[in-house]
């Protein structure tokens, strides 16, 4: 079981930046994927970025491509999501997720399809991001 703790959310004006962090602890396999999802009020949860350890492939949803960057610090077991040029449409609860299931690793590393909630079994508690115009 992997425990995930997000931090870094908050309120920012349009055009601003925030960096979210997700620290993993517990039983982490040598190869695992971490992803960022977000859920706005009244909308379904959307996978916006993902990356697996040992892979340079990074997934970005079209809605965040060019503005958000996922990165990791393996030594700290921490993933980050650098968000820039934020707009009010980015307002949502942001969740990090992790999984070491080989099918999840393949989905993310191959970019076969966007990651879905079903690909991840470990979730953080979420951190709110609010962007005002």
Protein backbone atom coordinates (compact mmCIF):
# COMPACT_ATOMS: atom_id res chain seq x y z
CA UNK A 1 0.00 0.00 0.00
CA UNK A 2 1.26 3.43 -0.94
CA UNK A 3 0.34 6.56 0.94
CA UNK A 4 0.23 9.79 -1.03
CA UNK A 5 0.19 13.29 0.38
CA UNK A 6 -0.35 16.29 -1.87
CA UNK A 7 0.57 19.84 -1.08
CA UNK A 8 0.95 23.14 -2.87
CA UNK A 9 -2.60 24.03 -3.79
CA UNK A 10 -4.04 27.46 -3.18
CA UNK A 11 -5.56 30.50 -4.76
CA UNK A 12 -3.93 32.43 -7.56
CA UNK A 13 -4.92 34.97 -10.14
CA UNK A 14 -5.20 34.12 -13.82
CA UNK A 15 -1.81 33.96 -15.44
CA UNK A 16 -0.15 32.87 -12.23
CA UNK A 17 1.69 29.68 -11.33
CA UNK A 18 1.56 27.01 -8.68
CA UNK A 19 3.57 23.87 -8.02
CA UNK A 20 1.87 20.83 -6.58
CA UNK A 21 3.82 18.13 -4.78
CA UNK A 22 2.91 14.53 -4.12
CA UNK A 23 5.03 12.56 -1.71
CA UNK A 24 4.77 8.80 -1.73
CA UNK A 25 5.51 6.60 1.26
CA UNK A 26 4.97 2.99 2.16
CA UNK A 27 5.56 0.10 -0.15
CA UNK A 28 6.71 1.56 -3.44
CA UNK A 29 7.90 -0.83 -6.11
CA UNK A 30 10.95 0.00 -8.15
CA UNK A 31 8.76 0.80 -11.15
CA UNK A 32 5.57 2.71 -10.66
CA UNK A 33 3.56 5.43 -12.26
CA UNK A 34 2.24 8.59 -10.74
CA UNK A 35 -0.43 10.75 -12.22
CA UNK A 36 -2.25 13.95 -11.59
CA UNK A 37 -6.02 14.12 -11.94
CA UNK A 38 -8.36 16.98 -11.35
CA UNK A 39 -12.06 17.30 -10.73
CA UNK A 40 -14.02 20.49 -11.09
CA UNK A 41 -17.46 20.86 -9.50
CA UNK A 42 -20.07 19.00 -11.52
CA UNK A 43 -17.46 17.38 -13.77
CA UNK A 44 -15.86 13.98 -13.91
CA UNK A 45 -12.30 13.40 -12.78
CA UNK A 46 -9.81 14.09 -15.57
CA UNK A 47 -6.36 12.66 -15.91
CA UNK A 48 -4.10 15.54 -16.83
CA UNK A 49 -0.55 14.26 -16.52
CA UNK A 50 1.31 11.06 -15.80
CA UNK A 51 4.77 9.60 -15.76
CA UNK A 52 6.36 6.32 -14.72
CA UNK A 53 9.71 5.80 -13.09
CA UNK A 54 12.25 4.49 -15.55
CA UNK A 55 10.47 6.13 -18.48
CA UNK A 56 10.92 9.49 -20.13
CA UNK A 57 7.37 9.41 -21.52
CA UNK A 58 5.10 12.02 -20.05
CA UNK A 59 1.40 12.25 -20.67
CA UNK A 60 -0.39 15.59 -20.80
CA UNK A 61 -4.03 16.22 -21.52
CA UNK A 62 -4.62 18.70 -24.31
CA UNK A 63 -6.16 21.09 -21.80
CA UNK A 64 -2.83 21.51 -19.98
CA UNK A 65 -0.24 20.75 -22.63
CA UNK A 66 2.36 23.48 -22.87
CA UNK A 67 1.38 24.97 -19.51
CA UNK A 68 1.87 22.15 -17.01
CA UNK A 69 5.00 20.07 -16.42
CA UNK A 70 5.25 16.85 -14.46
CA UNK A 71 8.54 15.94 -12.86
CA UNK A 72 9.85 13.66 -10.16
CA UNK A 73 12.54 13.41 -7.56
CA UNK A 74 13.16 9.71 -7.08
CA UNK A 75 15.37 10.27 -4.04
CA UNK A 76 12.50 12.03 -2.30
CA UNK A 77 9.78 9.74 -3.72
CA UNK A 78 8.01 12.89 -4.78
CA UNK A 79 6.26 13.95 -7.96
CA UNK A 80 5.56 17.51 -8.88
CA UNK A 81 3.17 19.31 -11.16
CA UNK A 82 4.37 22.75 -12.18
CA UNK A 83 1.37 24.73 -13.40
CA UNK A 84 1.85 27.96 -15.30
CA UNK A 85 -0.39 30.41 -17.13
CA UNK A 86 -3.31 29.29 -15.02
CA UNK A 87 -6.84 30.16 -16.05
CA UNK A 88 -10.15 30.02 -14.16
CA UNK A 89 -10.88 26.80 -16.09
CA UNK A 90 -8.05 25.17 -14.13
CA UNK A 91 -9.98 25.61 -10.89
CA UNK A 92 -10.50 22.14 -9.44
CA UNK A 93 -9.53 19.70 -6.76
CA UNK A 94 -6.25 18.12 -7.81
CA UNK A 95 -5.38 14.57 -6.89
CA UNK A 96 -2.24 12.56 -7.28
CA UNK A 97 -2.42 8.83 -7.85
CA UNK A 98 0.07 6.01 -8.02
CA UNK A 99 0.18 2.43 -9.18
CA UNK A 100 2.76 -0.18 -10.07
CA UNK A 101 0.43 -2.50 -11.97
CA UNK A 102 2.24 -3.56 -15.15
CA UNK A 103 -0.81 -2.66 -17.22
CA UNK A 104 -0.77 0.87 -15.80
CA UNK A 105 2.93 1.18 -16.48
CA UNK A 106 2.31 0.08 -20.07
CA UNK A 107 -0.63 2.46 -20.58
CA UNK A 108 1.33 5.47 -19.38
CA UNK A 109 4.71 4.57 -20.87
CA UNK A 110 3.29 3.70 -24.28
CA UNK A 111 0.81 6.58 -24.46
CA UNK A 112 -1.67 4.00 -25.71
CA UNK A 113 -4.55 6.01 -24.26
CA UNK A 114 -5.06 8.65 -21.60
CA UNK A 115 -4.72 7.31 -18.06
CA UNK A 116 -8.01 6.74 -16.31
CA UNK A 117 -9.06 6.50 -12.69
CA UNK A 118 -9.29 2.74 -13.05
CA UNK A 119 -5.57 2.56 -13.79
CA UNK A 120 -4.66 3.77 -10.30
CA UNK A 121 -5.41 2.25 -6.91
CA UNK A 122 -3.59 4.64 -4.60
CA UNK A 123 -4.87 8.19 -4.21
CA UNK A 124 -4.03 11.25 -2.25
CA UNK A 125 -6.56 13.33 -0.38
CA UNK A 126 -6.58 16.12 -2.94
CA UNK A 127 -5.53 19.73 -2.88
CA UNK A 128 -7.69 22.63 -4.04
CA UNK A 129 -6.54 24.97 -6.78
CA UNK A 130 -8.60 28.11 -7.33
CA UNK A 131 -7.81 30.53 -10.13
CA UNK A 132 -9.56 33.87 -10.16
CA UNK A 133 -9.94 36.13 -13.18
